[in-house]
Amino acid sequence: MKIYHNPRCRKSRETLQLLESKNIQPEIILYLETPPTKKELTQILAQLDMKASALIRKTESIYKEHFKGKDLSEKQWIDAMVKFPKLIERPIVINGDKAKLGRPPENVLDLL
C-alpha cells in the first residue's frame, strides 16, 4: 500500500493515522519532494477512475494564477500537475490496482 502524502495537510495526516490505526504501514511518498511522473500520474488517474481536472486543487494559488478559467486537455492537466505537484489533490492511497482519494479519510477503508 502507498500513500501520496503531504505532512502539512490535515486530511493527509488523518488518512495516514487511520491506516496506521488498522496496523497498516504504507509506503509514504512525499509527492511534493518526489512528484509522480506523467506515466505514474496517468496510471494513478486510471486507478482512481478520475479525469485529471477532477484531481486539481482549485484553492491553490498556482491554480488561481495560472489555470483558473482555462479549458485544458487531459494531457495538459497532467503536465501541469507534474510541473506543479501542489496542484494534486491529496492524499491518494493505492493498494494493488485500486486507488482512493482520502477526502474524507474514511474513503480509503474501501481499499482494505
N, C-alpha and C. Protein backbone atom coordinates (compact mmCIF):
# COMPACT_ATOMS: atom_id res chain seq x y z
N MET A 1 0.85 -1.17 0.00
CA MET A 1 0.00 0.00 0.00
C MET A 1 0.90 1.24 0.00
N LYS A 2 0.47 2.26 -0.75
CA LYS A 2 1.20 3.52 -0.85
C LYS A 2 0.27 4.67 -0.51
N ILE A 3 0.85 5.73 0.04
CA ILE A 3 0.10 6.96 0.24
C ILE A 3 0.92 8.12 -0.31
N TYR A 4 0.29 8.88 -1.21
CA TYR A 4 0.89 10.13 -1.68
C TYR A 4 0.49 11.16 -0.64
N HIS A 5 1.48 11.60 0.12
CA HIS A 5 1.25 12.28 1.39
C HIS A 5 1.91 13.65 1.42
N ASN A 6 1.21 14.57 2.09
CA ASN A 6 1.78 15.88 2.42
C ASN A 6 1.59 16.05 3.93
N PRO A 7 2.68 15.97 4.71
CA PRO A 7 2.54 16.03 6.16
C PRO A 7 1.97 17.35 6.68
N ARG A 8 1.94 18.39 5.85
CA ARG A 8 1.38 19.67 6.27
C ARG A 8 -0.14 19.72 6.07
N CYS A 9 -0.70 18.71 5.43
CA CYS A 9 -2.14 18.67 5.14
C CYS A 9 -2.86 17.85 6.20
N ARG A 10 -3.87 18.44 6.82
CA ARG A 10 -4.61 17.77 7.88
C ARG A 10 -5.27 16.49 7.39
N LYS A 11 -5.93 16.52 6.22
CA LYS A 11 -6.60 15.32 5.69
C LYS A 11 -5.60 14.22 5.39
N SER A 12 -4.43 14.61 4.92
CA SER A 12 -3.39 13.64 4.63
C SER A 12 -2.90 12.99 5.92
N ARG A 13 -2.67 13.80 6.95
CA ARG A 13 -2.25 13.25 8.25
C ARG A 13 -3.32 12.34 8.84
N GLU A 14 -4.58 12.76 8.74
CA GLU A 14 -5.69 11.95 9.27
C GLU A 14 -5.79 10.61 8.54
N THR A 15 -5.60 10.63 7.24
CA THR A 15 -5.68 9.40 6.45
C THR A 15 -4.55 8.45 6.83
N LEU A 16 -3.33 8.98 6.97
CA LEU A 16 -2.20 8.15 7.37
C LEU A 16 -2.46 7.57 8.77
N GLN A 17 -2.96 8.38 9.67
CA GLN A 17 -3.25 7.92 11.03
C GLN A 17 -4.32 6.81 11.01
N LEU A 18 -5.32 6.96 10.16
CA LEU A 18 -6.36 5.95 10.04
C LEU A 18 -5.77 4.62 9.58
N LEU A 19 -4.90 4.66 8.58
CA LEU A 19 -4.25 3.44 8.09
C LEU A 19 -3.41 2.80 9.19
N GLU A 20 -2.65 3.63 9.89
CA GLU A 20 -1.79 3.11 10.96
C GLU A 20 -2.62 2.51 12.09
N SER A 21 -3.82 3.06 12.34
CA SER A 21 -4.69 2.52 13.37
C SER A 21 -5.20 1.13 13.00
N LYS A 22 -5.13 0.80 11.72
CA LYS A 22 -5.53 -0.52 11.22
C LYS A 22 -4.30 -1.42 11.05
N ASN A 23 -3.19 -1.02 11.68
CA ASN A 23 -1.91 -1.76 11.61
C ASN A 23 -1.36 -1.86 10.20
N ILE A 24 -1.59 -0.83 9.42
CA ILE A 24 -1.05 -0.76 8.06
C ILE A 24 0.04 0.31 8.04
N GLN A 25 1.21 -0.07 7.57
CA GLN A 25 2.32 0.86 7.44
C GLN A 25 2.56 1.07 5.94
N PRO A 26 1.86 2.02 5.33
CA PRO A 26 2.01 2.20 3.89
C PRO A 26 3.37 2.80 3.54
N GLU A 27 3.75 2.59 2.30
CA GLU A 27 4.92 3.30 1.76
C GLU A 27 4.49 4.76 1.62
N ILE A 28 5.22 5.65 2.25
CA ILE A 28 4.86 7.07 2.22
C ILE A 28 5.65 7.76 1.12
N ILE A 29 4.92 8.35 0.19
CA ILE A 29 5.54 9.09 -0.90
C ILE A 29 5.26 10.57 -0.67
N LEU A 30 6.30 11.32 -0.36
CA LEU A 30 6.16 12.76 -0.17
C LEU A 30 6.17 13.39 -1.56
N TYR A 31 4.99 13.47 -2.14
CA TYR A 31 4.88 13.80 -3.57
C TYR A 31 5.32 15.22 -3.90
N LEU A 32 5.42 16.10 -2.94
CA LEU A 32 5.94 17.44 -3.24
C LEU A 32 7.45 17.39 -3.44
N GLU A 33 8.11 16.43 -2.76
CA GLU A 33 9.55 16.25 -2.91
C GLU A 33 9.87 15.30 -4.06
N THR A 34 9.01 14.31 -4.26
CA THR A 34 9.21 13.31 -5.32
C THR A 34 7.91 13.23 -6.12
N PRO A 35 7.69 14.19 -7.02
CA PRO A 35 6.42 14.19 -7.78
C PRO A 35 6.29 12.98 -8.69
N PRO A 36 5.07 12.54 -8.92
CA PRO A 36 4.87 11.44 -9.87
C PRO A 36 5.22 11.89 -11.29
N THR A 37 5.68 10.94 -12.09
CA THR A 37 5.95 11.21 -13.50
C THR A 37 4.61 11.25 -14.25
N LYS A 38 4.67 11.65 -15.51
CA LYS A 38 3.44 11.65 -16.33
C LYS A 38 2.84 10.25 -16.37
N LYS A 39 3.70 9.25 -16.56
CA LYS A 39 3.23 7.86 -16.64
C LYS A 39 2.59 7.44 -15.31
N GLU A 40 3.24 7.74 -14.20
CA GLU A 40 2.69 7.38 -12.89
C GLU A 40 1.37 8.09 -12.63
N LEU A 41 1.31 9.38 -12.95
CA LEU A 41 0.08 10.14 -12.73
C LEU A 41 -1.06 9.64 -13.61
N THR A 42 -0.75 9.28 -14.83
CA THR A 42 -1.76 8.72 -15.73
C THR A 42 -2.31 7.41 -15.16
N GLN A 43 -1.41 6.58 -14.62
CA GLN A 43 -1.83 5.32 -14.01
C GLN A 43 -2.67 5.57 -12.76
N ILE A 44 -2.25 6.52 -11.93
CA ILE A 44 -3.00 6.86 -10.71
C ILE A 44 -4.41 7.32 -11.07
N LEU A 45 -4.53 8.16 -12.07
CA LEU A 45 -5.85 8.65 -12.50
C LEU A 45 -6.73 7.49 -12.96
N ALA A 46 -6.14 6.53 -13.68
CA ALA A 46 -6.90 5.35 -14.11
C ALA A 46 -7.36 4.54 -12.91
N GLN A 47 -6.47 4.38 -11.92
CA GLN A 47 -6.82 3.63 -10.71
C GLN A 47 -7.92 4.35 -9.91
N LEU A 48 -7.88 5.67 -9.91
CA LEU A 48 -8.90 6.46 -9.23
C LEU A 48 -10.19 6.52 -10.02
N ASP A 49 -10.10 6.20 -11.33
CA ASP A 49 -11.22 6.36 -12.26
C ASP A 49 -11.68 7.81 -12.26
N MET A 50 -10.70 8.70 -12.46
CA MET A 50 -10.94 10.15 -12.42
C MET A 50 -10.31 10.83 -13.63
N LYS A 51 -10.93 11.91 -14.02
CA LYS A 51 -10.33 12.80 -15.01
C LYS A 51 -9.28 13.66 -14.29
N ALA A 52 -8.27 14.07 -15.01
CA ALA A 52 -7.20 14.88 -14.42
C ALA A 52 -7.74 16.16 -13.80
N SER A 53 -8.70 16.78 -14.45
CA SER A 53 -9.24 18.05 -13.94
C SER A 53 -9.92 17.87 -12.58
N ALA A 54 -10.41 16.67 -12.29
CA ALA A 54 -11.07 16.41 -11.01
C ALA A 54 -10.07 16.24 -9.87
N LEU A 55 -8.79 16.06 -10.19
CA LEU A 55 -7.76 15.87 -9.18
C LEU A 55 -7.00 17.17 -8.89
N ILE A 56 -7.46 18.26 -9.50
CA ILE A 56 -6.79 19.56 -9.33
C ILE A 56 -7.29 20.26 -8.08
N ARG A 57 -6.36 20.78 -7.29
CA ARG A 57 -6.70 21.59 -6.10
C ARG A 57 -6.95 23.01 -6.58
N LYS A 58 -8.19 23.36 -6.66
CA LYS A 58 -8.56 24.67 -7.20
C LYS A 58 -8.40 25.82 -6.21
N THR A 59 -8.04 25.50 -4.97
CA THR A 59 -7.81 26.54 -3.97
C THR A 59 -6.35 26.99 -3.94
N GLU A 60 -5.47 26.27 -4.63
CA GLU A 60 -4.05 26.62 -4.64
C GLU A 60 -3.80 27.91 -5.43
N SER A 61 -2.88 28.72 -4.94
CA SER A 61 -2.55 29.97 -5.64
C SER A 61 -2.02 29.71 -7.04
N ILE A 62 -1.28 28.62 -7.22
CA ILE A 62 -0.77 28.27 -8.56
C ILE A 62 -1.92 28.09 -9.53
N TYR A 63 -2.99 27.42 -9.07
CA TYR A 63 -4.16 27.24 -9.92
C TYR A 63 -4.77 28.59 -10.26
N LYS A 64 -5.00 29.40 -9.25
CA LYS A 64 -5.66 30.69 -9.45
C LYS A 64 -4.85 31.60 -10.37
N GLU A 65 -3.53 31.57 -10.23
CA GLU A 65 -2.66 32.44 -11.02
C GLU A 65 -2.47 31.97 -12.46
N HIS A 66 -2.43 30.64 -12.66
CA HIS A 66 -2.05 30.13 -13.99
C HIS A 66 -3.14 29.39 -14.75
N PHE A 67 -4.13 28.85 -14.04
CA PHE A 67 -5.04 27.92 -14.70
C PHE A 67 -6.52 28.24 -14.57
N LYS A 68 -6.90 29.08 -13.62
CA LYS A 68 -8.31 29.36 -13.39
C LYS A 68 -8.97 29.88 -14.67
N GLY A 69 -10.11 29.28 -15.01
CA GLY A 69 -10.86 29.71 -16.18
C GLY A 69 -10.37 29.14 -17.49
N LYS A 70 -9.29 28.35 -17.45
CA LYS A 70 -8.75 27.76 -18.68
C LYS A 70 -9.34 26.37 -18.90
N ASP A 71 -9.57 26.04 -20.16
CA ASP A 71 -10.09 24.74 -20.53
C ASP A 71 -8.93 23.91 -21.09
N LEU A 72 -8.30 23.14 -20.22
CA LEU A 72 -7.14 22.36 -20.62
C LEU A 72 -7.54 20.93 -20.96
N SER A 73 -6.75 20.31 -21.81
CA SER A 73 -6.97 18.90 -22.16
C SER A 73 -6.47 18.02 -21.01
N GLU A 74 -6.81 16.76 -21.07
CA GLU A 74 -6.34 15.79 -20.08
C GLU A 74 -4.81 15.81 -19.99
N LYS A 75 -4.17 15.79 -21.14
CA LYS A 75 -2.70 15.80 -21.19
C LYS A 75 -2.14 17.09 -20.58
N GLN A 76 -2.76 18.21 -20.87
CA GLN A 76 -2.28 19.49 -20.33
C GLN A 76 -2.43 19.54 -18.81
N TRP A 77 -3.53 19.01 -18.27
CA TRP A 77 -3.70 18.97 -16.81
C TRP A 77 -2.65 18.07 -16.18
N ILE A 78 -2.39 16.93 -16.79
CA ILE A 78 -1.36 16.02 -16.27
C ILE A 78 0.00 16.71 -16.29
N ASP A 79 0.33 17.38 -17.39
CA ASP A 79 1.59 18.12 -17.48
C ASP A 79 1.67 19.17 -16.38
N ALA A 80 0.55 19.85 -16.12
CA ALA A 80 0.52 20.90 -15.09
C ALA A 80 0.78 20.30 -13.71
N MET A 81 0.18 19.14 -13.42
CA MET A 81 0.38 18.51 -12.12
C MET A 81 1.80 17.99 -11.94
N VAL A 82 2.41 17.53 -13.02
CA VAL A 82 3.80 17.09 -12.95
C VAL A 82 4.71 18.29 -12.68
N LYS A 83 4.44 19.39 -13.34
CA LYS A 83 5.26 20.60 -13.18
C LYS A 83 5.00 21.27 -11.82
N PHE A 84 3.74 21.27 -11.39
CA PHE A 84 3.33 21.91 -10.13
C PHE A 84 2.61 20.88 -9.26
N PRO A 85 3.34 20.01 -8.56
CA PRO A 85 2.69 18.95 -7.80
C PRO A 85 1.76 19.46 -6.70
N LYS A 86 1.88 20.72 -6.31
CA LYS A 86 0.94 21.28 -5.32
C LYS A 86 -0.49 21.25 -5.84
N LEU A 87 -0.65 21.16 -7.15
CA LEU A 87 -1.99 21.11 -7.74
C LEU A 87 -2.71 19.78 -7.50
N ILE A 88 -1.96 18.75 -7.11
CA ILE A 88 -2.54 17.42 -6.95
C ILE A 88 -3.30 17.33 -5.63
N GLU A 89 -4.57 16.96 -5.73
CA GLU A 89 -5.38 16.75 -4.53
C GLU A 89 -4.78 15.59 -3.75
N ARG A 90 -4.87 15.68 -2.44
CA ARG A 90 -4.26 14.67 -1.59
C ARG A 90 -5.17 14.35 -0.43
N PRO A 91 -4.88 13.27 0.24
CA PRO A 91 -3.92 12.21 -0.04
C PRO A 91 -4.51 11.19 -1.01
N ILE A 92 -3.64 10.51 -1.72
CA ILE A 92 -4.05 9.41 -2.60
C ILE A 92 -3.45 8.14 -2.01
N VAL A 93 -4.30 7.15 -1.80
CA VAL A 93 -3.86 5.86 -1.28
C VAL A 93 -4.05 4.81 -2.37
N ILE A 94 -3.02 4.00 -2.59
CA ILE A 94 -3.06 2.97 -3.62
C ILE A 94 -2.81 1.62 -2.97
N ASN A 95 -3.64 0.67 -3.33
CA ASN A 95 -3.46 -0.71 -2.89
C ASN A 95 -3.68 -1.60 -4.11
N GLY A 96 -2.60 -2.18 -4.61
CA GLY A 96 -2.69 -3.00 -5.81
C GLY A 96 -3.09 -2.16 -7.01
N ASP A 97 -4.18 -2.54 -7.66
CA ASP A 97 -4.62 -1.80 -8.85
C ASP A 97 -5.76 -0.83 -8.53
N LYS A 98 -6.03 -0.61 -7.25
CA LYS A 98 -7.09 0.31 -6.83
C LYS A 98 -6.50 1.50 -6.10
N ALA A 99 -7.18 2.62 -6.20
CA ALA A 99 -6.74 3.84 -5.50
C ALA A 99 -7.97 4.60 -5.02
N LYS A 100 -7.77 5.35 -3.96
CA LYS A 100 -8.83 6.19 -3.40
C LYS A 100 -8.22 7.50 -2.95
N LEU A 101 -9.01 8.54 -3.06
CA LEU A 101 -8.64 9.85 -2.54
C LEU A 101 -9.14 9.91 -1.09
N GLY A 102 -8.27 10.28 -0.18
CA GLY A 102 -8.62 10.31 1.23
C GLY A 102 -9.35 11.56 1.65
N ARG A 103 -10.41 11.89 0.94
CA ARG A 103 -11.25 13.04 1.26
C ARG A 103 -12.69 12.60 1.19
N PRO A 104 -13.28 12.23 2.30
CA PRO A 104 -12.74 12.19 3.65
C PRO A 104 -11.83 10.98 3.84
N PRO A 105 -11.05 10.96 4.91
CA PRO A 105 -10.11 9.86 5.14
C PRO A 105 -10.75 8.47 5.08
N GLU A 106 -12.00 8.36 5.51
CA GLU A 106 -12.68 7.06 5.54
C GLU A 106 -12.84 6.45 4.15
N ASN A 107 -12.73 7.24 3.11
CA ASN A 107 -12.80 6.72 1.74
C ASN A 107 -11.82 5.58 1.51
N VAL A 108 -10.65 5.66 2.14
CA VAL A 108 -9.60 4.67 1.87
C VAL A 108 -9.89 3.32 2.51
N LEU A 109 -10.87 3.25 3.40
CA LEU A 109 -11.21 1.97 4.02
C LEU A 109 -11.69 0.96 3.00
N ASP A 110 -12.21 1.44 1.87
CA ASP A 110 -12.65 0.56 0.78
C ASP A 110 -11.49 -0.26 0.21
N LEU A 111 -10.26 0.19 0.43
CA LEU A 111 -9.08 -0.48 -0.13
C LEU A 111 -8.58 -1.61 0.76
N LEU A 112 -9.09 -1.69 1.97
CA LEU A 112 -8.57 -2.69 2.93
C LEU A 112 -9.18 -4.05 2.71
